[in-house]
Amino acid sequence: MSRIDHYENFPVASWLCPAHLRPAVAALYHFARTADDLADEGFDPAHHRLDALGEYRADLQQCLSHARTSYVPSVRWPHVFTPLRQVAAQHQLPQMPLFDLLDAFEQDVIYTSVGQSYRNRAELLDYCRRSANPVGRLMLHLYGVSDASALAQSDAICTALQLINFWQDRAEDLRRGRNYLPQDHTLEEELRFARSLMAQGAPLVHQIKGRAGWELRAVVQGGLRILDQLDARPETTDHTQLARPTLKKLDMFRILWRSLRM
């Protein structure tokens, strides 16, 4: 999963996020970030990580329970599940996306522990369906957007962002025994595929109103700018030597200009 500044798939509650939604976004972010830490931080063996994620899943089930009398607050993660329970009730959050995220974290632990890679793109996309797409669907739910077209565009953007994160972190992932590149594809093919997905999802920015729409524009253009940098790198078969691309001040101006042009 995402490991730069912890769980980066979430647009953390910035000033661009509507004020009344910031507590909800923050609660969802801390839920995902904590699960990410359980799956990825430190040096615990895989079975310890899976045990912790199993306990985390049980606390999520308790958190989302509608029964007040039988609710047992989390002992280990009250800072996560107390606000999440309030937010889930206030906004009637769908439950499946939260459990899908945990499924993906668990899969990541298992795949890493045995050195398993993805046989084809379909397998990788199924992982992204659970690791990335739930984020967008939860955000759309908070914004009151639920039509099928918007959901499909959100899925395309989120999957593209997850793939971009994989390819920009490929050197580090390989050093840690992780290989997200499908066995039947090249990195260049996957970069083109990520760009095509972003193009499919980009029209969603016109459906999200206000500051949130501008934040989404910046997210889309930021992802495309990273792809530009990845495309410009020299071709090599030794991906462990590739430096992670970074966005500098000039890139930020480009992202702003391209966001305005959208």
Protein backbone atom coordinates (compact mmCIF):
# COMPACT_ATOMS: atom_id res chain seq x y z
CA MET A 1 0.00 0.00 0.00
CA SER A 2 0.99 3.64 0.11
CA ARG A 3 3.97 4.24 2.33
CA ILE A 4 4.99 7.84 1.70
CA ASP A 5 3.76 10.03 4.57
CA HIS A 6 1.70 7.03 5.56
CA TYR A 7 -1.61 6.55 3.79
CA GLU A 8 -1.48 8.97 0.89
CA ASN A 9 -4.51 7.74 -1.03
CA PHE A 10 -6.68 9.92 1.17
CA PRO A 11 -6.97 13.64 0.43
CA VAL A 12 -6.29 14.73 4.00
CA ALA A 13 -8.75 17.31 5.28
CA SER A 14 -7.11 20.38 3.78
CA TRP A 15 -8.54 23.89 3.62
CA LEU A 16 -9.98 22.96 0.22
CA CYS A 17 -12.22 20.38 1.89
CA PRO A 18 -15.60 21.80 3.01
CA ALA A 19 -15.37 22.59 6.72
CA HIS A 20 -18.38 20.48 7.68
CA LEU A 21 -16.77 17.40 6.11
CA ARG A 22 -13.30 17.76 7.60
CA PRO A 23 -14.04 15.68 10.73
CA ALA A 24 -15.39 12.87 8.55
CA VAL A 25 -12.42 12.95 6.18
CA ALA A 26 -10.01 13.06 9.13
CA ALA A 27 -11.71 10.06 10.78
CA LEU A 28 -11.54 8.03 7.57
CA TYR A 29 -7.92 9.01 7.03
CA HIS A 30 -6.88 7.91 10.52
CA PHE A 31 -8.72 4.62 10.06
CA ALA A 32 -6.83 3.91 6.83
CA ARG A 33 -3.50 5.24 8.10
CA THR A 34 -3.58 3.10 11.23
CA ALA A 35 -4.42 -0.02 9.24
CA ASP A 36 -1.58 0.84 6.86
CA ASP A 37 0.82 1.07 9.80
CA LEU A 38 -0.31 -2.31 11.10
CA ALA A 39 0.29 -3.86 7.69
CA ASP A 40 3.52 -2.14 6.81
CA GLU A 41 5.43 -0.38 9.59
CA GLY A 42 8.07 -1.94 11.79
CA PHE A 43 9.57 -5.41 11.61
CA ASP A 44 6.81 -7.70 12.88
CA PRO A 45 6.43 -11.04 11.08
CA ALA A 46 3.48 -11.53 8.78
CA HIS A 47 1.42 -13.61 11.22
CA HIS A 48 1.65 -10.85 13.86
CA ARG A 49 0.53 -8.26 11.32
CA LEU A 50 -2.41 -10.43 10.24
CA ASP A 51 -3.39 -10.99 13.88
CA ALA A 52 -3.37 -7.23 14.47
CA LEU A 53 -5.41 -6.60 11.33
CA GLY A 54 -7.88 -9.28 12.46
CA GLU A 55 -8.28 -7.48 15.77
CA TYR A 56 -8.66 -4.21 13.89
CA ARG A 57 -11.39 -5.78 11.72
CA ALA A 58 -13.26 -6.96 14.81
CA ASP A 59 -13.12 -3.44 16.26
CA LEU A 60 -14.46 -2.07 12.95
CA GLN A 61 -17.39 -4.49 13.14
CA GLN A 62 -18.11 -3.30 16.67
CA CYS A 63 -17.73 0.31 15.59
CA LEU A 64 -20.29 -0.06 12.82
CA SER A 65 -22.75 -1.98 14.97
CA HIS A 66 -26.07 -0.20 15.39
CA ALA A 67 -26.69 -1.76 18.80
CA ARG A 68 -25.98 0.79 21.54
CA THR A 69 -26.31 -1.57 24.50
CA SER A 70 -23.90 -4.21 23.19
CA TYR A 71 -21.29 -1.80 21.78
CA VAL A 72 -17.82 -2.45 23.18
CA PRO A 73 -15.41 0.46 22.57
CA SER A 74 -12.01 -0.34 21.14
CA VAL A 75 -9.36 -0.82 23.79
CA ARG A 76 -6.33 -0.60 21.50
CA TRP A 77 -7.48 2.04 19.01
CA PRO A 78 -10.10 4.26 20.68
CA HIS A 79 -8.65 7.32 18.87
CA VAL A 80 -9.62 5.66 15.58
CA PHE A 81 -12.95 4.00 16.23
CA THR A 82 -14.64 6.50 18.56
CA PRO A 83 -14.67 9.31 15.95
CA LEU A 84 -15.27 6.83 13.13
CA ARG A 85 -18.39 5.51 14.86
CA GLN A 86 -19.73 9.05 15.20
CA VAL A 87 -18.96 9.87 11.58
CA ALA A 88 -20.42 6.59 10.30
CA ALA A 89 -23.69 7.29 12.09
CA GLN A 90 -23.84 10.95 11.11
CA HIS A 91 -23.17 10.38 7.41
CA GLN A 92 -24.60 6.86 7.06
CA LEU A 93 -21.31 5.65 5.62
CA PRO A 94 -21.40 2.51 3.49
CA GLN A 95 -19.60 -0.30 5.30
CA MET A 96 -18.21 -2.36 2.44
CA PRO A 97 -15.53 0.13 1.36
CA LEU A 98 -14.04 0.08 4.86
CA PHE A 99 -13.84 -3.70 4.92
CA ASP A 100 -12.49 -3.73 1.36
CA LEU A 101 -9.56 -1.59 2.52
CA LEU A 102 -8.75 -4.11 5.23
CA ASP A 103 -8.97 -6.96 2.71
CA ALA A 104 -6.34 -5.20 0.60
CA PHE A 105 -4.03 -4.59 3.55
CA GLU A 106 -4.24 -8.26 4.50
CA GLN A 107 -3.54 -9.33 0.93
CA ASP A 108 -0.49 -7.09 0.83
CA VAL A 109 0.90 -8.71 3.97
CA ILE A 110 0.34 -12.21 2.60
CA TYR A 111 1.78 -11.48 -0.86
CA THR A 112 4.85 -9.81 0.62
CA SER A 113 5.49 -12.63 3.08
CA VAL A 114 5.66 -15.26 0.32
CA GLY A 115 7.10 -13.08 -2.45
CA GLN A 116 4.00 -13.42 -4.60
CA SER A 117 3.56 -11.11 -7.59
CA TYR A 118 0.59 -10.43 -9.86
CA ARG A 119 0.16 -12.78 -12.79
CA ASN A 120 -1.72 -10.29 -14.92
CA ARG A 121 -3.30 -6.85 -14.93
CA ALA A 122 -6.72 -8.20 -13.96
CA GLU A 123 -5.33 -9.46 -10.65
CA LEU A 124 -3.67 -6.12 -9.97
CA LEU A 125 -6.86 -4.22 -10.79
CA ASP A 126 -8.80 -6.44 -8.41
CA TYR A 127 -6.36 -5.43 -5.69
CA CYS A 128 -6.77 -1.73 -6.61
CA ARG A 129 -10.55 -2.20 -6.47
CA ARG A 130 -10.13 -2.84 -2.75
CA SER A 131 -7.04 -0.80 -1.91
CA ALA A 132 -7.83 2.46 -3.72
CA ASN A 133 -11.35 2.66 -5.12
CA PRO A 134 -13.06 2.58 -1.69
CA VAL A 135 -11.40 5.91 -0.88
CA GLY A 136 -13.05 7.68 -3.79
CA ARG A 137 -16.40 6.05 -3.16
CA LEU A 138 -16.37 7.14 0.48
CA MET A 139 -15.51 10.69 -0.55
CA LEU A 140 -18.28 10.76 -3.15
CA HIS A 141 -20.71 9.52 -0.50
CA LEU A 142 -19.75 12.45 1.73
CA TYR A 143 -20.28 14.85 -1.18
CA GLY A 144 -23.68 13.32 -1.94
CA VAL A 145 -22.69 12.00 -5.38
CA SER A 146 -23.94 8.50 -6.14
CA ASP A 147 -24.68 8.10 -9.88
CA ALA A 148 -23.05 5.21 -11.69
CA SER A 149 -21.05 7.39 -14.07
CA ALA A 150 -19.43 9.34 -11.24
CA LEU A 151 -18.60 6.15 -9.36
CA ALA A 152 -16.93 4.68 -12.45
CA GLN A 153 -14.93 7.87 -13.00
CA SER A 154 -13.90 7.91 -9.35
CA ASP A 155 -12.75 4.29 -9.60
CA ALA A 156 -10.66 5.18 -12.65
CA ILE A 157 -8.96 8.09 -10.87
CA CYS A 158 -8.29 6.12 -7.69
CA THR A 159 -6.92 3.10 -9.54
CA ALA A 160 -4.71 5.40 -11.63
CA LEU A 161 -3.37 7.06 -8.48
CA GLN A 162 -2.67 3.69 -6.88
CA LEU A 163 -0.82 2.50 -9.99
CA ILE A 164 1.18 5.73 -10.17
CA ASN A 165 2.13 5.24 -6.53
CA PHE A 166 3.34 1.72 -7.33
CA TRP A 167 5.46 2.84 -10.26
CA GLN A 168 7.01 5.83 -8.51
CA ASP A 169 7.89 3.62 -5.52
CA ARG A 170 8.97 0.65 -7.62
CA ALA A 171 12.62 0.73 -6.58
CA GLU A 172 11.78 0.71 -2.87
CA ASP A 173 9.11 -1.96 -3.33
CA LEU A 174 11.53 -4.26 -5.12
CA ARG A 175 14.11 -3.82 -2.38
CA ARG A 176 11.43 -4.83 0.12
CA GLY A 177 10.41 -7.90 -1.85
CA ARG A 178 7.27 -6.45 -3.44
CA ASN A 179 6.53 -6.53 -7.13
CA TYR A 180 3.29 -5.00 -8.34
CA LEU A 181 4.17 -5.13 -12.04
CA PRO A 182 1.98 -7.74 -13.76
CA GLN A 183 4.02 -10.59 -15.18
CA ASP A 184 2.57 -10.15 -18.67
CA HIS A 185 3.22 -6.38 -18.96
CA THR A 186 6.12 -3.95 -19.09
CA LEU A 187 6.46 -0.85 -16.92
CA GLU A 188 6.06 1.36 -20.00
CA GLU A 189 2.74 -0.34 -20.81
CA GLU A 190 1.52 0.18 -17.26
CA LEU A 191 2.47 3.86 -17.32
CA ARG A 192 0.39 4.33 -20.46
CA PHE A 193 -2.48 2.40 -18.89
CA ALA A 194 -2.43 4.59 -15.76
CA ARG A 195 -2.57 7.70 -17.94
CA SER A 196 -5.53 6.33 -19.88
CA LEU A 197 -7.38 5.59 -16.64
CA MET A 198 -6.77 9.13 -15.40
CA ALA A 199 -8.19 10.49 -18.65
CA GLN A 200 -11.29 8.34 -18.21
CA GLY A 201 -11.86 9.65 -14.70
CA ALA A 202 -10.91 13.31 -15.21
CA PRO A 203 -14.44 14.52 -16.22
CA LEU A 204 -15.50 13.87 -12.62
CA VAL A 205 -13.88 17.18 -11.62
CA HIS A 206 -16.76 19.02 -13.26
CA GLN A 207 -19.33 17.19 -11.14
CA ILE A 208 -17.71 17.95 -7.78
CA LYS A 209 -18.60 21.52 -6.91
CA GLY A 210 -16.75 24.15 -4.93
CA ARG A 211 -13.32 23.82 -3.32
CA ALA A 212 -13.54 20.02 -3.32
CA GLY A 213 -13.68 20.11 -7.11
CA TRP A 214 -10.51 22.20 -7.19
CA GLU A 215 -8.79 19.78 -4.86
CA LEU A 216 -9.72 16.93 -7.18
CA ARG A 217 -8.33 18.86 -10.15
CA ALA A 218 -5.02 19.21 -8.31
CA VAL A 219 -5.01 15.51 -7.43
CA VAL A 220 -5.58 14.54 -11.07
CA GLN A 221 -2.96 16.93 -12.42
CA GLY A 222 -0.48 15.96 -9.71
CA GLY A 223 -0.81 12.33 -10.73
CA LEU A 224 -0.34 13.21 -14.39
CA ARG A 225 2.75 15.28 -13.56
CA ILE A 226 4.31 12.30 -11.77
CA LEU A 227 3.56 10.22 -14.86
CA ASP A 228 5.35 12.85 -16.98
CA GLN A 229 8.43 12.41 -14.81
CA LEU A 230 8.24 8.64 -14.93
CA ASP A 231 7.91 8.71 -18.71
CA ALA A 232 10.98 10.95 -18.98
CA ARG A 233 13.29 8.61 -17.08
CA PRO A 234 15.87 6.63 -19.06
CA GLU A 235 14.87 3.08 -19.90
CA THR A 236 16.50 0.44 -17.73
CA THR A 237 15.87 -3.15 -16.76
CA ASP A 238 17.28 -2.57 -13.27
CA HIS A 239 14.32 -0.81 -11.68
CA THR A 240 15.90 -1.00 -8.21
CA GLN A 241 18.20 1.88 -9.24
CA LEU A 242 15.45 4.28 -10.26
CA ALA A 243 15.03 7.34 -8.07
CA ARG A 244 11.58 8.28 -6.82
CA PRO A 245 10.26 11.31 -8.72
CA THR A 246 9.50 14.40 -6.68
CA LEU A 247 7.37 17.47 -7.35
CA LYS A 248 9.25 20.76 -7.15
CA LYS A 249 8.03 24.37 -7.14
CA LEU A 250 7.92 24.58 -10.94
CA ASP A 251 5.84 21.39 -11.01
CA MET A 252 3.38 22.98 -8.60
CA PHE A 253 2.92 25.93 -10.95
CA ARG A 254 2.31 23.52 -13.82
CA ILE A 255 -0.24 21.61 -11.76
CA LEU A 256 -2.00 24.88 -10.85
CA TRP A 257 -2.06 26.05 -14.48
CA ARG A 258 -3.32 22.72 -15.76
CA SER A 259 -5.95 22.62 -13.03
CA LEU A 260 -7.21 26.02 -14.11
CA ARG A 261 -7.35 24.87 -17.72
CA MET A 262 -9.54 21.89 -16.82
